[in-house]
């Protein structure tokens, strides 16, 4: 049993790209679904997962703002 997935790193969350953070978050979800870690490790992975999810959302928000600044409304294609 290993407690580490290849996608999980010790890199500070704010230094990860969206793709890196998302891949690591997927790895943590897989790890937590296996339920093969002790309580302290589980709490640590959960906390890192929450930080990664928040970081991903912030990066997506910034990208949306950049698109809006360019005058492109991403929801225009959704008009009925």
PDB file of N, CA and C in Angstrom:
ATOM      1  N   UNK A   1       0.849  -1.184   0.000  1.00  0.00           N
ATOM      2  CA  UNK A   1       0.000   0.000   0.000  1.00  0.00           C
ATOM      3  C   UNK A   1       0.887   1.237   0.000  1.00  0.00           C
ATOM      4  N   UNK A   2       0.623   2.142  -0.925  1.00  0.00           N
ATOM      5  CA  UNK A   2       1.353   3.394  -0.944  1.00  0.00           C
ATOM      6  C   UNK A   2       0.402   4.524  -0.644  1.00  0.00           C
ATOM      7  N   UNK A   3       0.916   5.567  -0.015  1.00  0.00           N
ATOM      8  CA  UNK A   3       0.101   6.726   0.318  1.00  0.00           C
ATOM      9  C   UNK A   3       0.302   7.850  -0.673  1.00  0.00           C
ATOM     10  N   UNK A   4       1.037   7.582  -1.760  1.00  0.00           N
ATOM     11  CA  UNK A   4       1.322   8.636  -2.718  1.00  0.00           C
ATOM     12  C   UNK A   4       0.980   8.201  -4.121  1.00  0.00           C
ATOM     13  N   UNK A   5       0.324   9.094  -4.835  1.00  0.00           N
ATOM     14  CA  UNK A   5       0.053   8.864  -6.241  1.00  0.00           C
ATOM     15  C   UNK A   5       1.083   9.661  -7.020  1.00  0.00           C
ATOM     16  N   UNK A   6       1.472   9.226  -8.231  1.00  0.00           N
ATOM     17  CA  UNK A   6       2.453   9.984  -9.003  1.00  0.00           C
ATOM     18  C   UNK A   6       2.016  11.418  -9.271  1.00  0.00           C
ATOM     19  N   UNK A   7       0.700  11.676  -9.292  1.00  0.00           N
ATOM     20  CA  UNK A   7       0.212  13.018  -9.586  1.00  0.00           C
ATOM     21  C   UNK A   7       0.271  13.938  -8.363  1.00  0.00           C
ATOM     22  N   UNK A   8       0.483  13.374  -7.186  1.00  0.00           N
ATOM     23  CA  UNK A   8       0.474  14.176  -5.961  1.00  0.00           C
ATOM     24  C   UNK A   8       1.891  14.649  -5.663  1.00  0.00           C
ATOM     25  N   UNK A   9       2.027  15.959  -5.492  1.00  0.00           N
ATOM     26  CA  UNK A   9       3.342  16.553  -5.255  1.00  0.00           C
ATOM     27  C   UNK A   9       3.357  17.306  -3.934  1.00  0.00           C
ATOM     28  N   UNK A  10       4.525  17.803  -3.587  1.00  0.00           N
ATOM     29  CA  UNK A  10       4.644  18.654  -2.401  1.00  0.00           C
ATOM     30  C   UNK A  10       4.819  20.114  -2.813  1.00  0.00           C
ATOM     31  N   UNK A  11       4.645  20.401  -4.103  1.00  0.00           N
ATOM     32  CA  UNK A  11       4.766  21.766  -4.608  1.00  0.00           C
ATOM     33  C   UNK A  11       3.694  22.634  -3.969  1.00  0.00           C
ATOM     34  N   UNK A  12       4.048  23.846  -3.537  1.00  0.00           N
ATOM     35  CA  UNK A  12       3.022  24.742  -2.993  1.00  0.00           C
ATOM     36  C   UNK A  12       1.887  24.922  -4.001  1.00  0.00           C
ATOM     37  N   UNK A  13       0.660  24.870  -3.505  1.00  0.00           N
ATOM     38  CA  UNK A  13      -0.522  24.919  -4.359  1.00  0.00           C
ATOM     39  C   UNK A  13      -0.515  26.137  -5.275  1.00  0.00           C
ATOM     40  N   UNK A  14      -0.130  27.293  -4.751  1.00  0.00           N
ATOM     41  CA  UNK A  14      -0.192  28.523  -5.555  1.00  0.00           C
ATOM     42  C   UNK A  14       0.854  28.569  -6.672  1.00  0.00           C
ATOM     43  N   UNK A  15       1.749  27.587  -6.720  1.00  0.00           N
ATOM     44  CA  UNK A  15       2.747  27.527  -7.789  1.00  0.00           C
ATOM     45  C   UNK A  15       2.339  26.570  -8.914  1.00  0.00           C
ATOM     46  N   UNK A  16       1.216  25.879  -8.743  1.00  0.00           N
ATOM     47  CA  UNK A  16       0.775  24.905  -9.732  1.00  0.00           C
ATOM     48  C   UNK A  16      -0.073  25.566 -10.817  1.00  0.00           C
ATOM     49  N   UNK A  17       0.065  25.050 -12.039  1.00  0.00           N
ATOM     50  CA  UNK A  17      -0.831  25.481 -13.103  1.00  0.00           C
ATOM     51  C   UNK A  17      -2.188  24.826 -12.855  1.00  0.00           C
ATOM     52  N   UNK A  18      -3.183  25.266 -13.602  1.00  0.00           N
ATOM     53  CA  UNK A  18      -4.512  24.657 -13.476  1.00  0.00           C
ATOM     54  C   UNK A  18      -4.434  23.150 -13.751  1.00  0.00           C
ATOM     55  N   UNK A  19      -3.756  22.792 -14.816  1.00  0.00           N
ATOM     56  CA  UNK A  19      -3.676  21.394 -15.205  1.00  0.00           C
ATOM     57  C   UNK A  19      -2.980  20.547 -14.140  1.00  0.00           C
ATOM     58  N   UNK A  20      -1.902  21.075 -13.581  1.00  0.00           N
ATOM     59  CA  UNK A  20      -1.184  20.350 -12.528  1.00  0.00           C
ATOM     60  C   UNK A  20      -2.054  20.199 -11.283  1.00  0.00           C
ATOM     61  N   UNK A  21      -2.704  21.278 -10.884  1.00  0.00           N
ATOM     62  CA  UNK A  21      -3.544  21.246  -9.686  1.00  0.00           C
ATOM     63  C   UNK A  21      -4.713  20.282  -9.864  1.00  0.00           C
ATOM     64  N   UNK A  22      -5.331  20.307 -11.046  1.00  0.00           N
ATOM     65  CA  UNK A  22      -6.468  19.422 -11.309  1.00  0.00           C
ATOM     66  C   UNK A  22      -6.036  17.959 -11.294  1.00  0.00           C
ATOM     67  N   UNK A  23      -4.898  17.662 -11.903  1.00  0.00           N
ATOM     68  CA  UNK A  23      -4.389  16.288 -11.920  1.00  0.00           C
ATOM     69  C   UNK A  23      -4.087  15.808 -10.497  1.00  0.00           C
ATOM     70  N   UNK A  24      -3.510  16.687  -9.708  1.00  0.00           N
ATOM     71  CA  UNK A  24      -3.212  16.310  -8.321  1.00  0.00           C
ATOM     72  C   UNK A  24      -4.496  16.109  -7.529  1.00  0.00           C
ATOM     73  N   UNK A  25      -5.480  16.961  -7.763  1.00  0.00           N
ATOM     74  CA  UNK A  25      -6.767  16.820  -7.087  1.00  0.00           C
ATOM     75  C   UNK A  25      -7.413  15.479  -7.445  1.00  0.00           C
ATOM     76  N   UNK A  26      -7.350  15.095  -8.707  1.00  0.00           N
ATOM     77  CA  UNK A  26      -7.875  13.791  -9.118  1.00  0.00           C
ATOM     78  C   UNK A  26      -7.143  12.658  -8.395  1.00  0.00           C
ATOM     79  N   UNK A  27      -5.827  12.793  -8.251  1.00  0.00           N
ATOM     80  CA  UNK A  27      -5.054  11.784  -7.541  1.00  0.00           C
ATOM     81  C   UNK A  27      -5.456  11.667  -6.079  1.00  0.00           C
ATOM     82  N   UNK A  28      -5.720  12.798  -5.463  1.00  0.00           N
ATOM     83  CA  UNK A  28      -6.138  12.792  -4.059  1.00  0.00           C
ATOM     84  C   UNK A  28      -7.516  12.155  -3.912  1.00  0.00           C
ATOM     85  N   UNK A  29      -8.423  12.470  -4.817  1.00  0.00           N
ATOM     86  CA  UNK A  29      -9.756  11.869  -4.771  1.00  0.00           C
ATOM     87  C   UNK A  29      -9.641  10.351  -4.879  1.00  0.00           C
ATOM     88  N   UNK A  30      -8.817   9.877  -5.801  1.00  0.00           N
ATOM     89  CA  UNK A  30      -8.607   8.433  -5.958  1.00  0.00           C
ATOM     90  C   UNK A  30      -8.042   7.833  -4.676  1.00  0.00           C
ATOM     91  N   UNK A  31      -7.063   8.508  -4.102  1.00  0.00           N
ATOM     92  CA  UNK A  31      -6.448   8.035  -2.869  1.00  0.00           C
ATOM     93  C   UNK A  31      -7.475   7.956  -1.741  1.00  0.00           C
ATOM     94  N   UNK A  32      -8.302   8.980  -1.604  1.00  0.00           N
ATOM     95  CA  UNK A  32      -9.298   9.001  -0.532  1.00  0.00           C
ATOM     96  C   UNK A  32     -10.391   7.961  -0.765  1.00  0.00           C
ATOM     97  N   UNK A  33     -10.719   7.694  -2.010  1.00  0.00           N
ATOM     98  CA  UNK A  33     -11.727   6.673  -2.313  1.00  0.00           C
ATOM     99  C   UNK A  33     -11.248   5.274  -1.944  1.00  0.00           C
ATOM    100  N   UNK A  34      -9.945   5.065  -1.959  1.00  0.00           N
ATOM    101  CA  UNK A  34      -9.393   3.749  -1.617  1.00  0.00           C
ATOM    102  C   UNK A  34      -9.499   3.461  -0.124  1.00  0.00           C
ATOM    103  N   UNK A  35      -9.634   4.496   0.680  1.00  0.00           N
ATOM    104  CA  UNK A  35      -9.782   4.358   2.135  1.00  0.00           C
ATOM    105  C   UNK A  35      -8.694   3.498   2.754  1.00  0.00           C
ATOM    106  N   UNK A  36      -7.456   3.666   2.274  1.00  0.00           N
ATOM    107  CA  UNK A  36      -6.360   2.852   2.788  1.00  0.00           C
ATOM    108  C   UNK A  36      -5.344   3.688   3.564  1.00  0.00           C
ATOM    109  N   UNK A  37      -5.733   4.848   4.027  1.00  0.00           N
ATOM    110  CA  UNK A  37      -4.811   5.688   4.774  1.00  0.00           C
ATOM    111  C   UNK A  37      -5.341   5.884   6.186  1.00  0.00           C
ATOM    112  N   UNK A  38      -4.439   6.239   7.088  1.00  0.00           N
ATOM    113  CA  UNK A  38      -4.870   6.490   8.456  1.00  0.00           C
ATOM    114  C   UNK A  38      -5.578   7.839   8.537  1.00  0.00           C
ATOM    115  N   UNK A  39      -6.181   8.108   9.660  1.00  0.00           N
ATOM    116  CA  UNK A  39      -7.008   9.305   9.828  1.00  0.00           C
ATOM    117  C   UNK A  39      -6.218  10.592   9.589  1.00  0.00           C
ATOM    118  N   UNK A  40      -5.038  10.698  10.161  1.00  0.00           N
ATOM    119  CA  UNK A  40      -4.240  11.919  10.001  1.00  0.00           C
ATOM    120  C   UNK A  40      -3.863  12.160   8.545  1.00  0.00           C
ATOM    121  N   UNK A  41      -3.481  11.098   7.851  1.00  0.00           N
ATOM    122  CA  UNK A  41      -3.132  11.231   6.430  1.00  0.00           C
ATOM    123  C   UNK A  41      -4.363  11.624   5.625  1.00  0.00           C
ATOM    124  N   UNK A  42      -5.491  11.028   5.945  1.00  0.00           N
ATOM    125  CA  UNK A  42      -6.735  11.356   5.249  1.00  0.00           C
ATOM    126  C   UNK A  42      -7.089  12.818   5.430  1.00  0.00           C
ATOM    127  N   UNK A  43      -6.971  13.311   6.638  1.00  0.00           N
ATOM    128  CA  UNK A  43      -7.262  14.727   6.901  1.00  0.00           C
ATOM    129  C   UNK A  43      -6.301  15.618   6.122  1.00  0.00           C
ATOM    130  N   UNK A  44      -5.028  15.248   6.100  1.00  0.00           N
ATOM    131  CA  UNK A  44      -4.034  16.025   5.352  1.00  0.00           C
ATOM    132  C   UNK A  44      -4.340  16.072   3.864  1.00  0.00           C
ATOM    133  N   UNK A  45      -4.683  14.897   3.276  1.00  0.00           N
ATOM    134  CA  UNK A  45      -5.024  14.864   1.856  1.00  0.00           C
ATOM    135  C   UNK A  45      -6.290  15.662   1.577  1.00  0.00           C
ATOM    136  N   UNK A  46      -7.271  15.559   2.492  1.00  0.00           N
ATOM    137  CA  UNK A  46      -8.511  16.309   2.316  1.00  0.00           C
ATOM    138  C   UNK A  46      -8.238  17.815   2.322  1.00  0.00           C
ATOM    139  N   UNK A  47      -7.417  18.267   3.259  1.00  0.00           N
ATOM    140  CA  UNK A  47      -7.075  19.695   3.328  1.00  0.00           C
ATOM    141  C   UNK A  47      -6.350  20.148   2.067  1.00  0.00           C
ATOM    142  N   UNK A  48      -5.408  19.349   1.596  1.00  0.00           N
ATOM    143  CA  UNK A  48      -4.695  19.697   0.355  1.00  0.00           C
ATOM    144  C   UNK A  48      -5.675  19.709  -0.823  1.00  0.00           C
ATOM    145  N   UNK A  49      -6.577  18.754  -0.848  1.00  0.00           N
ATOM    146  CA  UNK A  49      -7.582  18.710  -1.905  1.00  0.00           C
ATOM    147  C   UNK A  49      -8.454  19.957  -1.916  1.00  0.00           C
ATOM    148  N   UNK A  50      -8.843  20.420  -0.746  1.00  0.00           N
ATOM    149  CA  UNK A  50      -9.648  21.641  -0.675  1.00  0.00           C
ATOM    150  C   UNK A  50      -8.854  22.837  -1.180  1.00  0.00           C
ATOM    151  N   UNK A  51      -7.584  22.917  -0.816  1.00  0.00           N
ATOM    152  CA  UNK A  51      -6.738  24.018  -1.285  1.00  0.00           C
ATOM    153  C   UNK A  51      -6.568  23.953  -2.804  1.00  0.00           C
ATOM    154  N   UNK A  52      -6.418  22.755  -3.335  1.00  0.00           N
ATOM    155  CA  UNK A  52      -6.283  22.591  -4.783  1.00  0.00           C
ATOM    156  C   UNK A  52      -7.568  22.998  -5.500  1.00  0.00           C
ATOM    157  N   UNK A  53      -8.710  22.595  -4.966  1.00  0.00           N
ATOM    158  CA  UNK A  53      -9.995  22.948  -5.581  1.00  0.00           C
ATOM    159  C   UNK A  53     -10.181  24.468  -5.585  1.00  0.00           C
ATOM    160  N   UNK A  54      -9.818  25.110  -4.489  1.00  0.00           N
ATOM    161  CA  UNK A  54      -9.934  26.566  -4.403  1.00  0.00           C
ATOM    162  C   UNK A  54      -8.999  27.232  -5.417  1.00  0.00           C
ATOM    163  N   UNK A  55      -7.784  26.726  -5.533  1.00  0.00           N
ATOM    164  CA  UNK A  55      -6.813  27.270  -6.480  1.00  0.00           C
ATOM    165  C   UNK A  55      -7.321  27.127  -7.915  1.00  0.00           C
ATOM    166  N   UNK A  56      -7.866  25.952  -8.238  1.00  0.00           N
ATOM    167  CA  UNK A  56      -8.415  25.738  -9.581  1.00  0.00           C
ATOM    168  C   UNK A  56      -9.536  26.726  -9.869  1.00  0.00           C
ATOM    169  N   UNK A  57     -10.423  26.930  -8.901  1.00  0.00           N
ATOM    170  CA  UNK A  57     -11.533  27.867  -9.094  1.00  0.00           C
ATOM    171  C   UNK A  57     -11.021  29.287  -9.298  1.00  0.00           C
ATOM    172  N   UNK A  58     -10.012  29.679  -8.534  1.00  0.00           N
ATOM    173  CA  UNK A  58      -9.438  31.015  -8.695  1.00  0.00           C
ATOM    174  C   UNK A  58      -8.819  31.191 -10.084  1.00  0.00           C
ATOM    175  N   UNK A  59      -8.131  30.160 -10.566  1.00  0.00           N
ATOM    176  CA  UNK A  59      -7.536  30.232 -11.906  1.00  0.00           C
ATOM    177  C   UNK A  59      -8.615  30.316 -12.980  1.00  0.00           C
ATOM    178  N   UNK A  60      -9.697  29.567 -12.809  1.00  0.00           N
ATOM    179  CA  UNK A  60     -10.804  29.638 -13.765  1.00  0.00           C
ATOM    180  C   UNK A  60     -11.469  31.014 -13.740  1.00  0.00           C
ATOM    181  N   UNK A  61     -11.628  31.580 -12.544  1.00  0.00           N
ATOM    182  CA  UNK A  61     -12.212  32.923 -12.422  1.00  0.00           C
ATOM    183  C   UNK A  61     -11.348  33.962 -13.122  1.00  0.00           C
ATOM    184  N   UNK A  62     -10.030  33.839 -12.962  1.00  0.00           N
ATOM    185  CA  UNK A  62      -9.115  34.775 -13.627  1.00  0.00           C
ATOM    186  C   UNK A  62      -9.203  34.635 -15.144  1.00  0.00           C
ATOM    187  N   UNK A  63      -9.294  33.401 -15.620  1.00  0.00           N
ATOM    188  CA  UNK A  63      -9.400  33.172 -17.067  1.00  0.00           C
ATOM    189  C   UNK A  63     -10.698  33.753 -17.598  1.00  0.00           C
ATOM    190  N   UNK A  64     -11.786  33.590 -16.864  1.00  0.00           N
ATOM    191  CA  UNK A  64     -13.067  34.148 -17.291  1.00  0.00           C
ATOM    192  C   UNK A  64     -13.004  35.673 -17.343  1.00  0.00           C
ATOM    193  N   UNK A  65     -12.357  36.269 -16.359  1.00  0.00           N
ATOM    194  CA  UNK A  65     -12.206  37.719 -16.343  1.00  0.00           C
ATOM    195  C   UNK A  65     -11.404  38.196 -17.546  1.00  0.00           C
ATOM    196  N   UNK A  66     -10.354  37.468 -17.884  1.00  0.00           N
ATOM    197  CA  UNK A  66      -9.545  37.827 -19.062  1.00  0.00           C
ATOM    198  C   UNK A  66     -10.386  37.760 -20.334  1.00  0.00           C
ATOM    199  N   UNK A  67     -11.212  36.719 -20.450  1.00  0.00           N
ATOM    200  CA  UNK A  67     -12.071  36.582 -21.629  1.00  0.00           C
ATOM    201  C   UNK A  67     -13.062  37.734 -21.686  1.00  0.00           C
ATOM    202  N   UNK A  68     -13.664  38.067 -20.545  1.00  0.00           N
ATOM    203  CA  UNK A  68     -14.623  39.178 -20.515  1.00  0.00           C
ATOM    204  C   UNK A  68     -13.939  40.503 -20.845  1.00  0.00           C
ATOM    205  N   UNK A  69     -12.705  40.672 -20.396  1.00  0.00           N
ATOM    206  CA  UNK A  69     -11.954  41.891 -20.670  1.00  0.00           C
ATOM    207  C   UNK A  69     -11.697  42.037 -22.164  1.00  0.00           C
ATOM    208  N   UNK A  70     -11.540  40.923 -22.831  1.00  0.00           N
ATOM    209  CA  UNK A  70     -11.343  40.945 -24.271  1.00  0.00           C
ATOM    210  C   UNK A  70     -12.641  41.224 -25.034  1.00  0.00           C
ATOM    211  N   UNK A  71     -13.748  41.302 -24.317  1.00  0.00           N
ATOM    212  CA  UNK A  71     -15.019  41.615 -24.943  1.00  0.00           C
ATOM    213  C   UNK A  71     -15.753  40.408 -25.476  1.00  0.00           C
ATOM    214  N   UNK A  72     -15.317  39.236 -25.068  1.00  0.00           N
ATOM    215  CA  UNK A  72     -15.956  38.012 -25.511  1.00  0.00           C
ATOM    216  C   UNK A  72     -16.770  37.482 -24.335  1.00  0.00           C
ATOM    217  N   UNK A  73     -18.074  37.342 -24.533  1.00  0.00           N
ATOM    218  CA  UNK A  73     -18.925  36.834 -23.480  1.00  0.00           C
ATOM    219  C   UNK A  73     -19.096  35.334 -23.667  1.00  0.00           C
ATOM    220  N   UNK A  74     -18.547  34.502 -22.759  1.00  0.00           N
ATOM    221  CA  UNK A  74     -18.598  33.056 -22.943  1.00  0.00           C
ATOM    222  C   UNK A  74     -20.023  32.495 -22.938  1.00  0.00           C
ATOM    223  N   UNK A  75     -21.007  33.220 -22.413  1.00  0.00           N
ATOM    224  CA  UNK A  75     -22.370  32.700 -22.360  1.00  0.00           C
ATOM    225  C   UNK A  75     -23.198  33.121 -23.559  1.00  0.00           C
ATOM    226  N   UNK A  76     -22.640  33.894 -24.500  1.00  0.00           N
ATOM    227  CA  UNK A  76     -23.406  34.323 -25.658  1.00  0.00           C
ATOM    228  C   UNK A  76     -23.877  33.150 -26.493  1.00  0.00           C
ATOM    229  N   UNK A  77     -23.119  32.097 -26.531  1.00  0.00           N
ATOM    230  CA  UNK A  77     -23.500  30.930 -27.303  1.00  0.00           C
ATOM    231  C   UNK A  77     -24.664  30.180 -26.711  1.00  0.00           C
ATOM    232  N   UNK A  78     -25.048  30.510 -25.486  1.00  0.00           N
ATOM    233  CA  UNK A  78     -26.135  29.815 -24.798  1.00  0.00           C
ATOM    234  C   UNK A  78     -27.484  30.468 -25.028  1.00  0.00           C
ATOM    235  N   UNK A  79     -27.547  31.529 -25.800  1.00  0.00           N
ATOM    236  CA  UNK A  79     -28.809  32.237 -26.021  1.00  0.00           C
ATOM    237  C   UNK A  79     -29.801  31.329 -26.722  1.00  0.00           C
ATOM    238  N   UNK A  80     -31.079  31.457 -26.333  1.00  0.00           N
ATOM    239  CA  UNK A  80     -32.120  30.611 -26.924  1.00  0.00           C
ATOM    240  C   UNK A  80     -32.591  31.156 -28.239  1.00  0.00           C
TER     241      UNK A  80
END
